[in-house]
Amino acid sequence: MARKRRLLNKTKFAQQIGVDLRTVTGYERGEYEPAASTLALISTTLRFPIGFFAGDDLHEPSPATASFRSLARMS
């Protein structure tokens, strides 16, 4: 979720943290965990605290379940 929040695709993110695409996929699927040094780099790159990555998985709402108001109608 953090990577998507920063609008990074997996390929670009992998390049920024110095790992291959398969490694990023493995991290995101929970197949394995990054080393402490890699986790620190992930945290810095995505600008999220390290604790964010140790917490419970967050539910990502789908566009079909969200409702947004037009900015023109907001005061």
PDB file of N, CA and C in Angstrom:
ATOM      1  N   MET A   1       0.821  -1.184   0.000  1.00  0.00           N
ATOM      2  CA  MET A   1       0.000   0.000   0.000  1.00  0.00           C
ATOM      3  C   MET A   1       0.875   1.261   0.000  1.00  0.00           C
ATOM      4  N   ALA A   2       1.963   1.241   0.740  1.00  0.00           N
ATOM      5  CA  ALA A   2       2.842   2.416   0.804  1.00  0.00           C
ATOM      6  C   ALA A   2       3.420   2.736  -0.569  1.00  0.00           C
ATOM      7  N   ARG A   3       3.825   1.707  -1.293  1.00  0.00           N
ATOM      8  CA  ARG A   3       4.394   1.918  -2.637  1.00  0.00           C
ATOM      9  C   ARG A   3       3.344   2.526  -3.557  1.00  0.00           C
ATOM     10  N   LYS A   4       2.138   2.019  -3.506  1.00  0.00           N
ATOM     11  CA  LYS A   4       1.068   2.552  -4.356  1.00  0.00           C
ATOM     12  C   LYS A   4       0.725   3.984  -3.967  1.00  0.00           C
ATOM     13  N   ARG A   5       0.765   4.265  -2.664  1.00  0.00           N
ATOM     14  CA  ARG A   5       0.481   5.619  -2.185  1.00  0.00           C
ATOM     15  C   ARG A   5       1.456   6.634  -2.752  1.00  0.00           C
ATOM     16  N   ARG A   6       2.686   6.194  -2.979  1.00  0.00           N
ATOM     17  CA  ARG A   6       3.717   7.076  -3.542  1.00  0.00           C
ATOM     18  C   ARG A   6       3.765   6.999  -5.069  1.00  0.00           C
ATOM     19  N   LEU A   7       2.763   6.334  -5.651  1.00  0.00           N
ATOM     20  CA  LEU A   7       2.601   6.234  -7.109  1.00  0.00           C
ATOM     21  C   LEU A   7       3.824   5.626  -7.798  1.00  0.00           C
ATOM     22  N   LEU A   8       4.409   4.614  -7.167  1.00  0.00           N
ATOM     23  CA  LEU A   8       5.548   3.919  -7.755  1.00  0.00           C
ATOM     24  C   LEU A   8       5.118   2.546  -8.241  1.00  0.00           C
ATOM     25  N   ASN A   9       5.509   2.208  -9.471  1.00  0.00           N
ATOM     26  CA  ASN A   9       5.264   0.841  -9.899  1.00  0.00           C
ATOM     27  C   ASN A   9       6.373  -0.041  -9.319  1.00  0.00           C
ATOM     28  N   LYS A  10       6.181  -1.350  -9.377  1.00  0.00           N
ATOM     29  CA  LYS A  10       7.141  -2.263  -8.760  1.00  0.00           C
ATOM     30  C   LYS A  10       8.525  -2.156  -9.381  1.00  0.00           C
ATOM     31  N   THR A  11       8.589  -1.993 -10.678  1.00  0.00           N
ATOM     32  CA  THR A  11       9.877  -1.921 -11.363  1.00  0.00           C
ATOM     33  C   THR A  11      10.685  -0.711 -10.908  1.00  0.00           C
ATOM     34  N   LYS A  12      10.051   0.445 -10.898  1.00  0.00           N
ATOM     35  CA  LYS A  12      10.753   1.666 -10.484  1.00  0.00           C
ATOM     36  C   LYS A  12      11.153   1.591  -9.016  1.00  0.00           C
ATOM     37  N   PHE A  13      10.269   1.068  -8.187  1.00  0.00           N
ATOM     38  CA  PHE A  13      10.572   0.933  -6.767  1.00  0.00           C
ATOM     39  C   PHE A  13      11.753  -0.015  -6.547  1.00  0.00           C
ATOM     40  N   ALA A  14      11.758  -1.122  -7.250  1.00  0.00           N
ATOM     41  CA  ALA A  14      12.864  -2.082  -7.141  1.00  0.00           C
ATOM     42  C   ALA A  14      14.190  -1.416  -7.505  1.00  0.00           C
ATOM     43  N   GLN A  15      14.184  -0.617  -8.547  1.00  0.00           N
ATOM     44  CA  GLN A  15      15.396   0.090  -8.950  1.00  0.00           C
ATOM     45  C   GLN A  15      15.848   1.061  -7.866  1.00  0.00           C
ATOM     46  N   GLN A  16      14.906   1.751  -7.258  1.00  0.00           N
ATOM     47  CA  GLN A  16      15.250   2.755  -6.241  1.00  0.00           C
ATOM     48  C   GLN A  16      15.848   2.132  -4.984  1.00  0.00           C
ATOM     49  N   ILE A  17      15.410   0.907  -4.638  1.00  0.00           N
ATOM     50  CA  ILE A  17      15.948   0.289  -3.427  1.00  0.00           C
ATOM     51  C   ILE A  17      17.033  -0.745  -3.736  1.00  0.00           C
ATOM     52  N   GLY A  18      17.351  -0.921  -5.015  1.00  0.00           N
ATOM     53  CA  GLY A  18      18.470  -1.770  -5.396  1.00  0.00           C
ATOM     54  C   GLY A  18      18.224  -3.263  -5.315  1.00  0.00           C
ATOM     55  N   VAL A  19      16.989  -3.682  -5.584  1.00  0.00           N
ATOM     56  CA  VAL A  19      16.674  -5.105  -5.627  1.00  0.00           C
ATOM     57  C   VAL A  19      15.988  -5.413  -6.947  1.00  0.00           C
ATOM     58  N   ASP A  20      15.796  -6.690  -7.253  1.00  0.00           N
ATOM     59  CA  ASP A  20      15.111  -7.029  -8.499  1.00  0.00           C
ATOM     60  C   ASP A  20      13.593  -7.052  -8.286  1.00  0.00           C
ATOM     61  N   LEU A  21      12.870  -7.026  -9.372  1.00  0.00           N
ATOM     62  CA  LEU A  21      11.413  -6.974  -9.354  1.00  0.00           C
ATOM     63  C   LEU A  21      10.826  -8.139  -8.571  1.00  0.00           C
ATOM     64  N   ARG A  22      11.371  -9.324  -8.749  1.00  0.00           N
ATOM     65  CA  ARG A  22      10.859 -10.508  -8.054  1.00  0.00           C
ATOM     66  C   ARG A  22      10.967 -10.344  -6.533  1.00  0.00           C
ATOM     67  N   THR A  23      12.008  -9.686  -6.080  1.00  0.00           N
ATOM     68  CA  THR A  23      12.186  -9.463  -4.650  1.00  0.00           C
ATOM     69  C   THR A  23      11.087  -8.562  -4.097  1.00  0.00           C
ATOM     70  N   VAL A  24      10.771  -7.500  -4.803  1.00  0.00           N
ATOM     71  CA  VAL A  24       9.685  -6.605  -4.370  1.00  0.00           C
ATOM     72  C   VAL A  24       8.373  -7.382  -4.329  1.00  0.00           C
ATOM     73  N   THR A  25       8.118  -8.186  -5.333  1.00  0.00           N
ATOM     74  CA  THR A  25       6.895  -8.992  -5.362  1.00  0.00           C
ATOM     75  C   THR A  25       6.849  -9.927  -4.153  1.00  0.00           C
ATOM     76  N   GLY A  26       7.980 -10.541  -3.831  1.00  0.00           N
ATOM     77  CA  GLY A  26       8.048 -11.425  -2.674  1.00  0.00           C
ATOM     78  C   GLY A  26       7.790 -10.704  -1.367  1.00  0.00           C
ATOM     79  N   TYR A  27       8.329  -9.493  -1.235  1.00  0.00           N
ATOM     80  CA  TYR A  27       8.068  -8.695  -0.038  1.00  0.00           C
ATOM     81  C   TYR A  27       6.579  -8.396   0.090  1.00  0.00           C
ATOM     82  N   GLU A  28       5.976  -7.966  -1.002  1.00  0.00           N
ATOM     83  CA  GLU A  28       4.572  -7.559  -0.964  1.00  0.00           C
ATOM     84  C   GLU A  28       3.634  -8.734  -0.744  1.00  0.00           C
ATOM     85  N   ARG A  29       3.997  -9.903  -1.183  1.00  0.00           N
ATOM     86  CA  ARG A  29       3.171 -11.099  -0.972  1.00  0.00           C
ATOM     87  C   ARG A  29       3.403 -11.728   0.395  1.00  0.00           C
ATOM     88  N   GLY A  30       4.420 -11.247   1.100  1.00  0.00           N
ATOM     89  CA  GLY A  30       4.731 -11.809   2.403  1.00  0.00           C
ATOM     90  C   GLY A  30       5.501 -13.114   2.334  1.00  0.00           C
ATOM     91  N   GLU A  31       6.108 -13.392   1.168  1.00  0.00           N
ATOM     92  CA  GLU A  31       6.868 -14.628   1.006  1.00  0.00           C
ATOM     93  C   GLU A  31       8.150 -14.589   1.816  1.00  0.00           C
ATOM     94  N   TYR A  32       8.732 -13.425   1.977  1.00  0.00           N
ATOM     95  CA  TYR A  32       9.913 -13.244   2.814  1.00  0.00           C
ATOM     96  C   TYR A  32      10.020 -11.779   3.208  1.00  0.00           C
ATOM     97  N   GLU A  33      10.827 -11.549   4.237  1.00  0.00           N
ATOM     98  CA  GLU A  33      10.972 -10.193   4.772  1.00  0.00           C
ATOM     99  C   GLU A  33      12.317  -9.599   4.355  1.00  0.00           C
ATOM    100  N   PRO A  34      12.343  -8.294   4.165  1.00  0.00           N
ATOM    101  CA  PRO A  34      13.620  -7.647   3.818  1.00  0.00           C
ATOM    102  C   PRO A  34      14.565  -7.625   5.016  1.00  0.00           C
ATOM    103  N   ALA A  35      15.843  -7.575   4.718  1.00  0.00           N
ATOM    104  CA  ALA A  35      16.847  -7.394   5.770  1.00  0.00           C
ATOM    105  C   ALA A  35      16.628  -6.027   6.412  1.00  0.00           C
ATOM    106  N   ALA A  36      17.142  -5.852   7.610  1.00  0.00           N
ATOM    107  CA  ALA A  36      16.949  -4.597   8.340  1.00  0.00           C
ATOM    108  C   ALA A  36      17.441  -3.391   7.540  1.00  0.00           C
ATOM    109  N   SER A  37      18.576  -3.545   6.862  1.00  0.00           N
ATOM    110  CA  SER A  37      19.103  -2.426   6.076  1.00  0.00           C
ATOM    111  C   SER A  37      18.200  -2.108   4.884  1.00  0.00           C
ATOM    112  N   THR A  38      17.637  -3.143   4.268  1.00  0.00           N
ATOM    113  CA  THR A  38      16.719  -2.934   3.138  1.00  0.00           C
ATOM    114  C   THR A  38      15.421  -2.311   3.626  1.00  0.00           C
ATOM    115  N   LEU A  39      14.934  -2.748   4.777  1.00  0.00           N
ATOM    116  CA  LEU A  39      13.716  -2.167   5.342  1.00  0.00           C
ATOM    117  C   LEU A  39      13.909  -0.685   5.640  1.00  0.00           C
ATOM    118  N   ALA A  40      15.061  -0.328   6.143  1.00  0.00           N
ATOM    119  CA  ALA A  40      15.356   1.087   6.400  1.00  0.00           C
ATOM    120  C   ALA A  40      15.341   1.879   5.097  1.00  0.00           C
ATOM    121  N   LEU A  41      15.882   1.307   4.032  1.00  0.00           N
ATOM    122  CA  LEU A  41      15.888   1.975   2.727  1.00  0.00           C
ATOM    123  C   LEU A  41      14.470   2.092   2.170  1.00  0.00           C
ATOM    124  N   ILE A  42      13.676   1.055   2.347  1.00  0.00           N
ATOM    125  CA  ILE A  42      12.271   1.087   1.914  1.00  0.00           C
ATOM    126  C   ILE A  42      11.540   2.206   2.652  1.00  0.00           C
ATOM    127  N   SER A  43      11.739   2.273   3.959  1.00  0.00           N
ATOM    128  CA  SER A  43      11.103   3.299   4.777  1.00  0.00           C
ATOM    129  C   SER A  43      11.487   4.703   4.319  1.00  0.00           C
ATOM    130  N   THR A  44      12.755   4.897   4.063  1.00  0.00           N
ATOM    131  CA  THR A  44      13.242   6.200   3.614  1.00  0.00           C
ATOM    132  C   THR A  44      12.704   6.545   2.224  1.00  0.00           C
ATOM    133  N   THR A  45      12.747   5.575   1.320  1.00  0.00           N
ATOM    134  CA  THR A  45      12.305   5.803  -0.059  1.00  0.00           C
ATOM    135  C   THR A  45      10.822   6.146  -0.122  1.00  0.00           C
ATOM    136  N   LEU A  46      10.006   5.430   0.661  1.00  0.00           N
ATOM    137  CA  LEU A  46       8.556   5.635   0.608  1.00  0.00           C
ATOM    138  C   LEU A  46       8.066   6.705   1.584  1.00  0.00           C
ATOM    139  N   ARG A  47       8.977   7.176   2.454  1.00  0.00           N
ATOM    140  CA  ARG A  47       8.639   8.201   3.440  1.00  0.00           C
ATOM    141  C   ARG A  47       7.506   7.733   4.375  1.00  0.00           C
ATOM    142  N   PHE A  48       7.631   6.490   4.834  1.00  0.00           N
ATOM    143  CA  PHE A  48       6.746   5.916   5.839  1.00  0.00           C
ATOM    144  C   PHE A  48       7.624   5.418   6.977  1.00  0.00           C
ATOM    145  N   PRO A  49       7.171   5.511   8.226  1.00  0.00           N
ATOM    146  CA  PRO A  49       7.990   5.015   9.335  1.00  0.00           C
ATOM    147  C   PRO A  49       8.140   3.483   9.267  1.00  0.00           C
ATOM    148  N   ILE A  50       9.243   2.985   9.777  1.00  0.00           N
ATOM    149  CA  ILE A  50       9.487   1.538   9.753  1.00  0.00           C
ATOM    150  C   ILE A  50       8.347   0.782  10.426  1.00  0.00           C
ATOM    151  N   GLY A  51       7.793   1.336  11.483  1.00  0.00           N
ATOM    152  CA  GLY A  51       6.683   0.693  12.185  1.00  0.00           C
ATOM    153  C   GLY A  51       5.473   0.420  11.306  1.00  0.00           C
ATOM    154  N   PHE A  52       5.289   1.232  10.274  1.00  0.00           N
ATOM    155  CA  PHE A  52       4.172   1.025   9.354  1.00  0.00           C
ATOM    156  C   PHE A  52       4.246  -0.356   8.717  1.00  0.00           C
ATOM    157  N   PHE A  53       5.452  -0.804   8.414  1.00  0.00           N
ATOM    158  CA  PHE A  53       5.637  -2.067   7.709  1.00  0.00           C
ATOM    159  C   PHE A  53       5.555  -3.266   8.637  1.00  0.00           C
ATOM    160  N   ALA A  54       5.595  -3.036   9.947  1.00  0.00           N
ATOM    161  CA  ALA A  54       5.516  -4.130  10.914  1.00  0.00           C
ATOM    162  C   ALA A  54       4.091  -4.324  11.431  1.00  0.00           C
ATOM    163  N   GLY A  55       3.210  -3.403  11.109  1.00  0.00           N
ATOM    164  CA  GLY A  55       1.840  -3.483  11.600  1.00  0.00           C
ATOM    165  C   GLY A  55       0.997  -4.468  10.818  1.00  0.00           C
ATOM    166  N   ASP A  56      -0.255  -4.587  11.236  1.00  0.00           N
ATOM    167  CA  ASP A  56      -1.205  -5.452  10.539  1.00  0.00           C
ATOM    168  C   ASP A  56      -1.437  -4.945   9.129  1.00  0.00           C
ATOM    169  N   ASP A  57      -1.807  -5.859   8.236  1.00  0.00           N
ATOM    170  CA  ASP A  57      -2.145  -5.471   6.870  1.00  0.00           C
ATOM    171  C   ASP A  57      -3.366  -4.556   6.899  1.00  0.00           C
ATOM    172  N   LEU A  58      -3.331  -3.544   6.062  1.00  0.00           N
ATOM    173  CA  LEU A  58      -4.438  -2.602   5.966  1.00  0.00           C
ATOM    174  C   LEU A  58      -5.352  -3.003   4.832  1.00  0.00           C
ATOM    175  N   HIS A  59      -6.627  -2.778   5.032  1.00  0.00           N
ATOM    176  CA  HIS A  59      -7.598  -3.043   3.972  1.00  0.00           C
ATOM    177  C   HIS A  59      -7.544  -1.889   2.988  1.00  0.00           C
ATOM    178  N   GLU A  60      -7.400  -2.208   1.726  1.00  0.00           N
ATOM    179  CA  GLU A  60      -7.365  -1.173   0.692  1.00  0.00           C
ATOM    180  C   GLU A  60      -8.749  -1.086   0.057  1.00  0.00           C
ATOM    181  N   PRO A  61      -9.449   0.034   0.245  1.00  0.00           N
ATOM    182  CA  PRO A  61     -10.802   0.139  -0.304  1.00  0.00           C
ATOM    183  C   PRO A  61     -10.794   0.136  -1.829  1.00  0.00           C
ATOM    184  N   SER A  62     -11.804  -0.478  -2.377  1.00  0.00           N
ATOM    185  CA  SER A  62     -11.930  -0.481  -3.838  1.00  0.00           C
ATOM    186  C   SER A  62     -12.719   0.752  -4.257  1.00  0.00           C
ATOM    187  N   PRO A  63     -12.529   1.206  -5.489  1.00  0.00           N
ATOM    188  CA  PRO A  63     -13.271   2.378  -5.956  1.00  0.00           C
ATOM    189  C   PRO A  63     -14.791   2.194  -5.882  1.00  0.00           C
ATOM    190  N   ALA A  64     -15.255   0.949  -5.970  1.00  0.00           N
ATOM    191  CA  ALA A  64     -16.691   0.692  -5.940  1.00  0.00           C
ATOM    192  C   ALA A  64     -17.288   0.918  -4.553  1.00  0.00           C
ATOM    193  N   THR A  65     -16.460   0.844  -3.497  1.00  0.00           N
ATOM    194  CA  THR A  65     -16.989   0.993  -2.140  1.00  0.00           C
ATOM    195  C   THR A  65     -16.799   2.392  -1.577  1.00  0.00           C
ATOM    196  N   ALA A  66     -16.105   3.236  -2.298  1.00  0.00           N
ATOM    197  CA  ALA A  66     -15.847   4.589  -1.812  1.00  0.00           C
ATOM    198  C   ALA A  66     -16.796   5.583  -2.480  1.00  0.00           C
ATOM    199  N   SER A  67     -17.084   6.636  -1.768  1.00  0.00           N
ATOM    200  CA  SER A  67     -17.955   7.683  -2.281  1.00  0.00           C
ATOM    201  C   SER A  67     -17.257   9.025  -2.070  1.00  0.00           C
ATOM    202  N   PHE A  68     -17.153   9.803  -3.107  1.00  0.00           N
ATOM    203  CA  PHE A  68     -16.482  11.085  -3.007  1.00  0.00           C
ATOM    204  C   PHE A  68     -17.418  12.201  -3.463  1.00  0.00           C
ATOM    205  N   ARG A  69     -17.323  13.316  -2.781  1.00  0.00           N
ATOM    206  CA  ARG A  69     -18.137  14.468  -3.151  1.00  0.00           C
ATOM    207  C   ARG A  69     -17.361  15.358  -4.097  1.00  0.00           C
ATOM    208  N   SER A  70     -18.068  16.013  -4.933  1.00  0.00           N
ATOM    209  CA  SER A  70     -17.451  16.971  -5.841  1.00  0.00           C
ATOM    210  C   SER A  70     -16.866  18.109  -5.040  1.00  0.00           C
ATOM    211  N   LEU A  71     -15.657  18.526  -5.392  1.00  0.00           N
ATOM    212  CA  LEU A  71     -15.027  19.650  -4.695  1.00  0.00           C
ATOM    213  C   LEU A  71     -15.802  20.948  -4.864  1.00  0.00           C
ATOM    214  N   ALA A  72     -16.550  21.061  -5.958  1.00  0.00           N
ATOM    215  CA  ALA A  72     -17.346  22.259  -6.205  1.00  0.00           C
ATOM    216  C   ALA A  72     -18.453  22.422  -5.166  1.00  0.00           C
ATOM    217  N   ARG A  73     -18.871  21.330  -4.564  1.00  0.00           N
ATOM    218  CA  ARG A  73     -19.967  21.371  -3.586  1.00  0.00           C
ATOM    219  C   ARG A  73     -19.460  21.522  -2.152  1.00  0.00           C
ATOM    220  N   MET A  74     -18.171  21.484  -1.976  1.00  0.00           N
ATOM    221  CA  MET A  74     -17.619  21.567  -0.615  1.00  0.00           C
ATOM    222  C   MET A  74     -17.301  23.016  -0.269  1.00  0.00           C
ATOM    223  N   SER A  75     -17.546  23.370   0.973  1.00  0.00           N
ATOM    224  CA  SER A  75     -17.264  24.743   1.401  1.00  0.00           C
ATOM    225  C   SER A  75     -15.852  24.827   1.950  1.00  0.00           C
TER     226      SER A  75
END
